[in-house]
Amino acid sequence: MNRILYILLIIGLYSCGVNHNTKKKTENVETKKSTTTLKDFEFLQDFEKNKTKFITDTIQLYDHSTDGGDLVIFQSNNFEYDVLDFWLYGETGKLNYTYWTKKNRNTEFKFVRQLAYDYDRPYYEENYKTDSTIYYLSYSDSKTRLFDINNSEIINPEQVVKIKLELETFFRDVTKGIEIIK
Protein backbone atom coordinates (compact mmCIF):
# COMPACT_ATOMS: atom_id res chain seq x y z
CA MET A 1 0.00 0.00 0.00
CA ASN A 2 2.85 2.37 0.85
CA ARG A 3 4.46 1.62 -2.50
CA ILE A 4 1.28 2.60 -4.32
CA LEU A 5 1.12 5.88 -2.38
CA TYR A 6 4.77 6.64 -3.18
CA ILE A 7 4.19 5.89 -6.87
CA LEU A 8 1.08 8.10 -6.97
CA LEU A 9 2.95 10.86 -5.12
CA ILE A 10 5.88 10.68 -7.57
CA ILE A 11 3.51 10.71 -10.58
CA GLY A 12 1.62 13.67 -9.07
CA LEU A 13 4.79 15.66 -8.44
CA TYR A 14 6.12 14.84 -11.90
CA SER A 15 2.88 15.94 -13.60
CA CYS A 16 2.82 19.20 -11.61
CA GLY A 17 6.39 19.88 -12.73
CA VAL A 18 5.46 19.28 -16.37
CA ASN A 19 2.41 21.64 -16.11
CA HIS A 20 4.51 24.27 -14.36
CA ASN A 21 7.13 24.20 -17.13
CA THR A 22 4.42 24.39 -19.80
CA LYS A 23 2.90 27.48 -18.16
CA LYS A 24 6.28 29.19 -18.08
CA LYS A 25 6.77 28.57 -21.78
CA THR A 26 3.40 30.03 -22.75
CA GLU A 27 3.88 33.09 -20.56
CA ASN A 28 7.08 34.00 -22.40
CA VAL A 29 5.40 34.03 -25.82
CA GLU A 30 4.69 37.60 -26.91
CA THR A 31 1.93 38.62 -29.25
CA LYS A 32 3.07 41.25 -31.72
CA LYS A 33 0.51 43.46 -33.38
CA SER A 34 1.05 44.51 -36.96
CA THR A 35 1.90 48.18 -37.11
CA THR A 36 2.10 48.74 -40.82
CA THR A 37 1.42 52.30 -41.80
CA LEU A 38 -0.94 52.70 -44.71
CA LYS A 39 -0.73 55.62 -47.08
CA ASP A 40 -3.10 57.31 -49.51
CA PHE A 41 -5.23 54.84 -51.51
CA GLU A 42 -4.00 51.91 -49.41
CA PHE A 43 -6.59 52.97 -46.79
CA LEU A 44 -9.37 52.55 -49.33
CA GLN A 45 -8.06 49.18 -50.54
CA ASP A 46 -7.43 47.85 -47.03
CA PHE A 47 -10.88 48.90 -45.85
CA GLU A 48 -12.68 47.35 -48.83
CA LYS A 49 -10.80 44.11 -48.26
CA ASN A 50 -11.50 44.01 -44.50
CA LYS A 51 -14.84 45.83 -44.18
CA THR A 52 -16.59 42.81 -42.64
CA LYS A 53 -14.06 42.71 -39.78
CA PHE A 54 -15.25 46.06 -38.42
CA ILE A 55 -18.03 46.68 -35.92
CA THR A 56 -20.54 49.21 -37.23
CA ASP A 57 -22.78 51.74 -35.58
CA THR A 58 -25.29 53.84 -37.54
CA ILE A 59 -26.49 57.29 -36.53
CA GLN A 60 -29.39 58.99 -38.30
CA LEU A 61 -28.68 62.51 -39.57
CA TYR A 62 -31.91 64.48 -39.76
CA ASP A 63 -31.15 68.19 -39.84
CA HIS A 64 -28.44 68.31 -42.48
CA SER A 65 -30.38 67.71 -45.71
CA THR A 66 -33.92 67.65 -47.07
CA ASP A 67 -34.21 63.85 -47.14
CA GLY A 68 -32.01 63.00 -44.15
CA GLY A 69 -28.91 60.93 -44.01
CA ASP A 70 -26.80 58.44 -42.12
CA LEU A 71 -23.42 58.25 -40.47
CA VAL A 72 -21.99 54.74 -40.36
CA ILE A 73 -19.02 54.34 -38.01
CA PHE A 74 -16.65 51.43 -38.59
CA GLN A 75 -14.33 50.49 -35.71
CA SER A 76 -12.01 47.58 -34.98
CA ASN A 77 -9.13 47.02 -32.57
CA ASN A 78 -7.26 45.14 -35.30
CA PHE A 79 -6.75 48.14 -37.59
CA GLU A 80 -4.86 51.41 -37.22
CA TYR A 81 -7.82 53.50 -38.36
CA ASP A 82 -11.55 54.08 -37.90
CA VAL A 83 -13.88 54.94 -40.79
CA LEU A 84 -16.75 57.42 -40.67
CA ASP A 85 -19.03 57.14 -43.70
CA PHE A 86 -21.52 60.00 -44.17
CA TRP A 87 -24.50 59.89 -46.54
CA LEU A 88 -26.75 62.92 -47.03
CA TYR A 89 -29.76 62.78 -49.35
CA GLY A 90 -31.50 65.64 -51.08
CA GLU A 91 -33.97 66.25 -53.87
CA THR A 92 -31.29 67.18 -56.39
CA GLY A 93 -28.38 65.07 -55.26
CA LYS A 94 -26.67 63.09 -52.56
CA LEU A 95 -23.31 63.25 -50.84
CA ASN A 96 -21.08 60.46 -49.61
CA TYR A 97 -18.07 61.62 -47.60
CA THR A 98 -15.87 58.90 -46.12
CA TYR A 99 -13.17 59.73 -43.56
CA TRP A 100 -10.38 57.41 -42.49
CA THR A 101 -9.23 58.72 -39.11
CA LYS A 102 -6.53 57.87 -36.63
CA LYS A 103 -7.66 55.14 -34.22
CA ASN A 104 -9.83 56.66 -31.46
CA ARG A 105 -9.05 60.20 -32.65
CA ASN A 106 -11.86 60.93 -35.04
CA THR A 107 -10.72 64.47 -35.83
CA GLU A 108 -7.25 63.45 -37.01
CA PHE A 109 -7.73 62.55 -40.66
CA LYS A 110 -5.59 60.14 -42.66
CA PHE A 111 -7.57 59.93 -45.91
CA VAL A 112 -10.91 61.28 -47.16
CA ARG A 113 -13.10 60.40 -50.15
CA GLN A 114 -15.68 62.92 -51.37
CA LEU A 115 -18.34 61.56 -53.70
CA ALA A 116 -21.06 63.96 -54.82
CA TYR A 117 -24.02 63.08 -57.03
CA ASP A 118 -25.85 65.97 -58.69
CA TYR A 119 -29.22 65.50 -60.42
CA ASP A 120 -30.40 67.85 -63.17
CA ARG A 121 -33.86 67.91 -61.53
CA PRO A 122 -35.44 66.39 -58.40
CA TYR A 123 -35.09 62.60 -58.17
CA TYR A 124 -38.85 62.09 -58.01
CA GLU A 125 -39.27 63.51 -61.54
CA GLU A 126 -38.88 61.10 -64.44
CA ASN A 127 -35.70 60.80 -66.50
CA TYR A 128 -33.46 62.87 -64.27
CA LYS A 129 -29.79 62.70 -65.13
CA THR A 130 -26.97 62.18 -62.64
CA ASP A 131 -23.52 63.71 -62.69
CA SER A 132 -20.92 62.72 -60.12
CA THR A 133 -17.57 63.97 -58.92
CA ILE A 134 -15.01 62.20 -56.77
CA TYR A 135 -12.08 63.69 -54.92
CA TYR A 136 -9.61 62.07 -52.57
CA LEU A 137 -7.73 63.99 -49.93
CA SER A 138 -4.60 62.48 -48.42
CA TYR A 139 -3.09 63.55 -45.11
CA SER A 140 -0.30 60.95 -45.28
CA ASP A 141 2.55 63.31 -46.07
CA SER A 142 3.56 66.54 -44.42
CA LYS A 143 1.31 68.37 -46.88
CA THR A 144 -2.27 67.61 -47.79
CA ARG A 145 -2.63 66.21 -51.30
CA LEU A 146 -5.74 66.15 -53.51
CA PHE A 147 -6.51 63.53 -56.16
CA ASP A 148 -9.20 63.23 -58.83
CA ILE A 149 -11.32 60.27 -59.95
CA ASN A 150 -8.35 58.82 -61.88
CA ASN A 151 -6.10 59.01 -58.79
CA SER A 152 -4.10 61.78 -60.46
CA GLU A 153 -2.82 64.46 -58.12
CA ILE A 154 -4.36 67.91 -58.47
CA ILE A 155 -1.67 70.50 -57.91
CA ASN A 156 -3.81 73.65 -58.10
CA PRO A 157 -3.29 75.06 -54.56
CA GLU A 158 -6.59 77.00 -54.56
CA GLN A 159 -8.57 73.89 -55.39
CA VAL A 160 -6.72 71.83 -52.76
CA VAL A 161 -7.43 74.43 -50.08
CA LYS A 162 -11.09 74.75 -51.18
CA ILE A 163 -11.79 70.98 -51.06
CA LYS A 164 -9.85 70.55 -47.81
CA LEU A 165 -11.78 73.37 -46.13
CA GLU A 166 -15.09 72.00 -47.43
CA LEU A 167 -14.41 68.48 -46.12
CA GLU A 168 -13.10 69.61 -42.74
CA THR A 169 -15.98 72.07 -42.25
CA PHE A 170 -18.53 69.43 -43.25
CA PHE A 171 -17.07 66.96 -40.75
CA ARG A 172 -16.97 69.50 -37.92
CA ASP A 173 -20.53 70.77 -38.60
CA VAL A 174 -22.18 67.36 -38.95
CA THR A 175 -20.42 65.71 -36.01
CA LYS A 176 -21.02 68.62 -33.65
CA GLY A 177 -23.09 67.20 -30.80
CA ILE A 178 -22.60 63.57 -31.84
CA GLU A 179 -20.84 61.40 -29.29
CA ILE A 180 -18.82 58.71 -31.01
CA ILE A 181 -18.30 55.80 -28.64
CA LYS A 182 -14.83 54.33 -28.81
C-alpha atoms as a PDB file:
ATOM      1  CA  MET A   1       0.000   0.000   0.000  1.00  0.00           C
ATOM      2  CA  ASN A   2       2.851   2.368   0.853  1.00  0.00           C
ATOM      3  CA  ARG A   3       4.460   1.621  -2.501  1.00  0.00           C
ATOM      4  CA  ILE A   4       1.276   2.605  -4.325  1.00  0.00           C
ATOM      5  CA  LEU A   5       1.117   5.881  -2.378  1.00  0.00           C
ATOM      6  CA  TYR A   6       4.767   6.639  -3.185  1.00  0.00           C
ATOM      7  CA  ILE A   7       4.194   5.885  -6.871  1.00  0.00           C
ATOM      8  CA  LEU A   8       1.079   8.101  -6.970  1.00  0.00           C
ATOM      9  CA  LEU A   9       2.951  10.857  -5.118  1.00  0.00           C
ATOM     10  CA  ILE A  10       5.881  10.682  -7.574  1.00  0.00           C
ATOM     11  CA  ILE A  11       3.512  10.710 -10.576  1.00  0.00           C
ATOM     12  CA  GLY A  12       1.616  13.667  -9.072  1.00  0.00           C
ATOM     13  CA  LEU A  13       4.791  15.664  -8.437  1.00  0.00           C
ATOM     14  CA  TYR A  14       6.118  14.842 -11.896  1.00  0.00           C
ATOM     15  CA  SER A  15       2.883  15.939 -13.605  1.00  0.00           C
ATOM     16  CA  CYS A  16       2.825  19.201 -11.612  1.00  0.00           C
ATOM     17  CA  GLY A  17       6.390  19.878 -12.729  1.00  0.00           C
ATOM     18  CA  VAL A  18       5.463  19.283 -16.369  1.00  0.00           C
ATOM     19  CA  ASN A  19       2.414  21.636 -16.112  1.00  0.00           C
ATOM     20  CA  HIS A  20       4.511  24.272 -14.356  1.00  0.00           C
ATOM     21  CA  ASN A  21       7.127  24.196 -17.130  1.00  0.00           C
ATOM     22  CA  THR A  22       4.420  24.386 -19.797  1.00  0.00           C
ATOM     23  CA  LYS A  23       2.902  27.475 -18.161  1.00  0.00           C
ATOM     24  CA  LYS A  24       6.281  29.192 -18.076  1.00  0.00           C
ATOM     25  CA  LYS A  25       6.774  28.569 -21.775  1.00  0.00           C
ATOM     26  CA  THR A  26       3.397  30.029 -22.750  1.00  0.00           C
ATOM     27  CA  GLU A  27       3.875  33.091 -20.557  1.00  0.00           C
ATOM     28  CA  ASN A  28       7.080  34.000 -22.397  1.00  0.00           C
ATOM     29  CA  VAL A  29       5.404  34.029 -25.822  1.00  0.00           C
ATOM     30  CA  GLU A  30       4.687  37.604 -26.908  1.00  0.00           C
ATOM     31  CA  THR A  31       1.929  38.617 -29.254  1.00  0.00           C
ATOM     32  CA  LYS A  32       3.071  41.245 -31.720  1.00  0.00           C
ATOM     33  CA  LYS A  33       0.512  43.455 -33.380  1.00  0.00           C
ATOM     34  CA  SER A  34       1.049  44.509 -36.965  1.00  0.00           C
ATOM     35  CA  THR A  35       1.905  48.184 -37.107  1.00  0.00           C
ATOM     36  CA  THR A  36       2.101  48.743 -40.825  1.00  0.00           C
ATOM     37  CA  THR A  37       1.425  52.297 -41.801  1.00  0.00           C
ATOM     38  CA  LEU A  38      -0.941  52.697 -44.707  1.00  0.00           C
ATOM     39  CA  LYS A  39      -0.728  55.618 -47.084  1.00  0.00           C
ATOM     40  CA  ASP A  40      -3.096  57.314 -49.510  1.00  0.00           C
ATOM     41  CA  PHE A  41      -5.230  54.841 -51.506  1.00  0.00           C
ATOM     42  CA  GLU A  42      -3.997  51.915 -49.407  1.00  0.00           C
ATOM     43  CA  PHE A  43      -6.592  52.969 -46.793  1.00  0.00           C
ATOM     44  CA  LEU A  44      -9.370  52.547 -49.332  1.00  0.00           C
ATOM     45  CA  GLN A  45      -8.064  49.179 -50.539  1.00  0.00           C
ATOM     46  CA  ASP A  46      -7.434  47.855 -47.029  1.00  0.00           C
ATOM     47  CA  PHE A  47     -10.881  48.897 -45.846  1.00  0.00           C
ATOM     48  CA  GLU A  48     -12.678  47.354 -48.831  1.00  0.00           C
ATOM     49  CA  LYS A  49     -10.796  44.106 -48.264  1.00  0.00           C
ATOM     50  CA  ASN A  50     -11.497  44.015 -44.502  1.00  0.00           C
ATOM     51  CA  LYS A  51     -14.844  45.834 -44.181  1.00  0.00           C
ATOM     52  CA  THR A  52     -16.590  42.813 -42.635  1.00  0.00           C
ATOM     53  CA  LYS A  53     -14.062  42.712 -39.777  1.00  0.00           C
ATOM     54  CA  PHE A  54     -15.249  46.065 -38.422  1.00  0.00           C
ATOM     55  CA  ILE A  55     -18.028  46.677 -35.915  1.00  0.00           C
ATOM     56  CA  THR A  56     -20.535  49.212 -37.227  1.00  0.00           C
ATOM     57  CA  ASP A  57     -22.776  51.743 -35.580  1.00  0.00           C
ATOM     58  CA  THR A  58     -25.292  53.844 -37.545  1.00  0.00           C
ATOM     59  CA  ILE A  59     -26.488  57.291 -36.528  1.00  0.00           C
ATOM     60  CA  GLN A  60     -29.391  58.986 -38.297  1.00  0.00           C
ATOM     61  CA  LEU A  61     -28.681  62.508 -39.567  1.00  0.00           C
ATOM     62  CA  TYR A  62     -31.909  64.476 -39.761  1.00  0.00           C
ATOM     63  CA  ASP A  63     -31.154  68.192 -39.844  1.00  0.00           C
ATOM     64  CA  HIS A  64     -28.439  68.307 -42.482  1.00  0.00           C
ATOM     65  CA  SER A  65     -30.377  67.708 -45.709  1.00  0.00           C
ATOM     66  CA  THR A  66     -33.920  67.652 -47.071  1.00  0.00           C
ATOM     67  CA  ASP A  67     -34.206  63.853 -47.145  1.00  0.00           C
ATOM     68  CA  GLY A  68     -32.014  63.003 -44.148  1.00  0.00           C
ATOM     69  CA  GLY A  69     -28.908  60.929 -44.013  1.00  0.00           C
ATOM     70  CA  ASP A  70     -26.796  58.441 -42.116  1.00  0.00           C
ATOM     71  CA  LEU A  71     -23.422  58.247 -40.467  1.00  0.00           C
ATOM     72  CA  VAL A  72     -21.987  54.735 -40.359  1.00  0.00           C
ATOM     73  CA  ILE A  73     -19.025  54.343 -38.014  1.00  0.00           C
ATOM     74  CA  PHE A  74     -16.650  51.428 -38.590  1.00  0.00           C
ATOM     75  CA  GLN A  75     -14.333  50.494 -35.708  1.00  0.00           C
ATOM     76  CA  SER A  76     -12.005  47.583 -34.977  1.00  0.00           C
ATOM     77  CA  ASN A  77      -9.126  47.023 -32.569  1.00  0.00           C
ATOM     78  CA  ASN A  78      -7.262  45.143 -35.304  1.00  0.00           C
ATOM     79  CA  PHE A  79      -6.745  48.137 -37.591  1.00  0.00           C
ATOM     80  CA  GLU A  80      -4.857  51.406 -37.225  1.00  0.00           C
ATOM     81  CA  TYR A  81      -7.825  53.505 -38.357  1.00  0.00           C
ATOM     82  CA  ASP A  82     -11.548  54.081 -37.905  1.00  0.00           C
ATOM     83  CA  VAL A  83     -13.881  54.938 -40.794  1.00  0.00           C
ATOM     84  CA  LEU A  84     -16.755  57.416 -40.668  1.00  0.00           C
ATOM     85  CA  ASP A  85     -19.026  57.138 -43.700  1.00  0.00           C
ATOM     86  CA  PHE A  86     -21.525  59.997 -44.168  1.00  0.00           C
ATOM     87  CA  TRP A  87     -24.501  59.888 -46.537  1.00  0.00           C
ATOM     88  CA  LEU A  88     -26.752  62.920 -47.033  1.00  0.00           C
ATOM     89  CA  TYR A  89     -29.763  62.777 -49.349  1.00  0.00           C
ATOM     90  CA  GLY A  90     -31.502  65.642 -51.081  1.00  0.00           C
ATOM     91  CA  GLU A  91     -33.971  66.247 -53.869  1.00  0.00           C
ATOM     92  CA  THR A  92     -31.294  67.183 -56.390  1.00  0.00           C
ATOM     93  CA  GLY A  93     -28.380  65.066 -55.258  1.00  0.00           C
ATOM     94  CA  LYS A  94     -26.670  63.087 -52.557  1.00  0.00           C
ATOM     95  CA  LEU A  95     -23.310  63.248 -50.839  1.00  0.00           C
ATOM     96  CA  ASN A  96     -21.075  60.462 -49.607  1.00  0.00           C
ATOM     97  CA  TYR A  97     -18.065  61.623 -47.598  1.00  0.00           C
ATOM     98  CA  THR A  98     -15.868  58.900 -46.117  1.00  0.00           C
ATOM     99  CA  TYR A  99     -13.174  59.735 -43.557  1.00  0.00           C
ATOM    100  CA  TRP A 100     -10.376  57.412 -42.487  1.00  0.00           C
ATOM    101  CA  THR A 101      -9.234  58.719 -39.106  1.00  0.00           C
ATOM    102  CA  LYS A 102      -6.532  57.874 -36.633  1.00  0.00           C
ATOM    103  CA  LYS A 103      -7.657  55.136 -34.222  1.00  0.00           C
ATOM    104  CA  ASN A 104      -9.828  56.663 -31.455  1.00  0.00           C
ATOM    105  CA  ARG A 105      -9.050  60.196 -32.654  1.00  0.00           C
ATOM    106  CA  ASN A 106     -11.859  60.933 -35.041  1.00  0.00           C
ATOM    107  CA  THR A 107     -10.723  64.475 -35.826  1.00  0.00           C
ATOM    108  CA  GLU A 108      -7.254  63.455 -37.013  1.00  0.00           C
ATOM    109  CA  PHE A 109      -7.733  62.548 -40.660  1.00  0.00           C
ATOM    110  CA  LYS A 110      -5.590  60.136 -42.657  1.00  0.00           C
ATOM    111  CA  PHE A 111      -7.570  59.931 -45.910  1.00  0.00           C
ATOM    112  CA  VAL A 112     -10.912  61.281 -47.165  1.00  0.00           C
ATOM    113  CA  ARG A 113     -13.102  60.400 -50.149  1.00  0.00           C
ATOM    114  CA  GLN A 114     -15.680  62.917 -51.367  1.00  0.00           C
ATOM    115  CA  LEU A 115     -18.341  61.556 -53.703  1.00  0.00           C
ATOM    116  CA  ALA A 116     -21.056  63.957 -54.822  1.00  0.00           C
ATOM    117  CA  TYR A 117     -24.021  63.081 -57.028  1.00  0.00           C
ATOM    118  CA  ASP A 118     -25.847  65.971 -58.691  1.00  0.00           C
ATOM    119  CA  TYR A 119     -29.221  65.502 -60.420  1.00  0.00           C
ATOM    120  CA  ASP A 120     -30.397  67.854 -63.171  1.00  0.00           C
ATOM    121  CA  ARG A 121     -33.856  67.915 -61.527  1.00  0.00           C
ATOM    122  CA  PRO A 122     -35.441  66.387 -58.400  1.00  0.00           C
ATOM    123  CA  TYR A 123     -35.088  62.597 -58.174  1.00  0.00           C
ATOM    124  CA  TYR A 124     -38.853  62.085 -58.013  1.00  0.00           C
ATOM    125  CA  GLU A 125     -39.267  63.515 -61.536  1.00  0.00           C
ATOM    126  CA  GLU A 126     -38.882  61.103 -64.436  1.00  0.00           C
ATOM    127  CA  ASN A 127     -35.696  60.797 -66.499  1.00  0.00           C
ATOM    128  CA  TYR A 128     -33.463  62.869 -64.266  1.00  0.00           C
ATOM    129  CA  LYS A 129     -29.788  62.699 -65.130  1.00  0.00           C
ATOM    130  CA  THR A 130     -26.971  62.176 -62.642  1.00  0.00           C
ATOM    131  CA  ASP A 131     -23.523  63.707 -62.688  1.00  0.00           C
ATOM    132  CA  SER A 132     -20.921  62.721 -60.123  1.00  0.00           C
ATOM    133  CA  THR A 133     -17.568  63.966 -58.922  1.00  0.00           C
ATOM    134  CA  ILE A 134     -15.009  62.196 -56.773  1.00  0.00           C
ATOM    135  CA  TYR A 135     -12.079  63.688 -54.922  1.00  0.00           C
ATOM    136  CA  TYR A 136      -9.609  62.065 -52.566  1.00  0.00           C
ATOM    137  CA  LEU A 137      -7.727  63.993 -49.928  1.00  0.00           C
ATOM    138  CA  SER A 138      -4.598  62.482 -48.420  1.00  0.00           C
ATOM    139  CA  TYR A 139      -3.091  63.545 -45.107  1.00  0.00           C
ATOM    140  CA  SER A 140      -0.299  60.949 -45.279  1.00  0.00           C
ATOM    141  CA  ASP A 141       2.552  63.306 -46.071  1.00  0.00           C
ATOM    142  CA  SER A 142       3.565  66.540 -44.420  1.00  0.00           C
ATOM    143  CA  LYS A 143       1.308  68.375 -46.878  1.00  0.00           C
ATOM    144  CA  THR A 144      -2.274  67.607 -47.794  1.00  0.00           C
ATOM    145  CA  ARG A 145      -2.627  66.212 -51.302  1.00  0.00           C
ATOM    146  CA  LEU A 146      -5.740  66.152 -53.513  1.00  0.00           C
ATOM    147  CA  PHE A 147      -6.506  63.526 -56.165  1.00  0.00           C
ATOM    148  CA  ASP A 148      -9.201  63.228 -58.830  1.00  0.00           C
ATOM    149  CA  ILE A 149     -11.319  60.267 -59.946  1.00  0.00           C
ATOM    150  CA  ASN A 150      -8.347  58.819 -61.880  1.00  0.00           C
ATOM    151  CA  ASN A 151      -6.104  59.006 -58.786  1.00  0.00           C
ATOM    152  CA  SER A 152      -4.103  61.777 -60.458  1.00  0.00           C
ATOM    153  CA  GLU A 153      -2.816  64.460 -58.125  1.00  0.00           C
ATOM    154  CA  ILE A 154      -4.362  67.908 -58.473  1.00  0.00           C
ATOM    155  CA  ILE A 155      -1.674  70.497 -57.912  1.00  0.00           C
ATOM    156  CA  ASN A 156      -3.812  73.646 -58.096  1.00  0.00           C
ATOM    157  CA  PRO A 157      -3.291  75.059 -54.563  1.00  0.00           C
ATOM    158  CA  GLU A 158      -6.586  77.004 -54.559  1.00  0.00           C
ATOM    159  CA  GLN A 159      -8.571  73.887 -55.389  1.00  0.00           C
ATOM    160  CA  VAL A 160      -6.715  71.828 -52.765  1.00  0.00           C
ATOM    161  CA  VAL A 161      -7.433  74.430 -50.081  1.00  0.00           C
ATOM    162  CA  LYS A 162     -11.085  74.753 -51.179  1.00  0.00           C
ATOM    163  CA  ILE A 163     -11.786  70.980 -51.063  1.00  0.00           C
ATOM    164  CA  LYS A 164      -9.845  70.555 -47.809  1.00  0.00           C
ATOM    165  CA  LEU A 165     -11.781  73.371 -46.134  1.00  0.00           C
ATOM    166  CA  GLU A 166     -15.087  71.998 -47.430  1.00  0.00           C
ATOM    167  CA  LEU A 167     -14.405  68.484 -46.124  1.00  0.00           C
ATOM    168  CA  GLU A 168     -13.099  69.615 -42.736  1.00  0.00           C
ATOM    169  CA  THR A 169     -15.978  72.073 -42.252  1.00  0.00           C
ATOM    170  CA  PHE A 170     -18.528  69.425 -43.248  1.00  0.00           C
ATOM    171  CA  PHE A 171     -17.067  66.956 -40.747  1.00  0.00           C
ATOM    172  CA  ARG A 172     -16.975  69.503 -37.924  1.00  0.00           C
ATOM    173  CA  ASP A 173     -20.528  70.774 -38.604  1.00  0.00           C
ATOM    174  CA  VAL A 174     -22.177  67.356 -38.955  1.00  0.00           C
ATOM    175  CA  THR A 175     -20.416  65.710 -36.015  1.00  0.00           C
ATOM    176  CA  LYS A 176     -21.022  68.616 -33.648  1.00  0.00           C
ATOM    177  CA  GLY A 177     -23.086  67.195 -30.799  1.00  0.00           C
ATOM    178  CA  ILE A 178     -22.600  63.568 -31.838  1.00  0.00           C
ATOM    179  CA  GLU A 179     -20.835  61.404 -29.290  1.00  0.00           C
ATOM    180  CA  ILE A 180     -18.820  58.708 -31.008  1.00  0.00           C
ATOM    181  CA  ILE A 181     -18.302  55.801 -28.641  1.00  0.00           C
ATOM    182  CA  LYS A 182     -14.833  54.329 -28.810  1.00  0.00           C
END
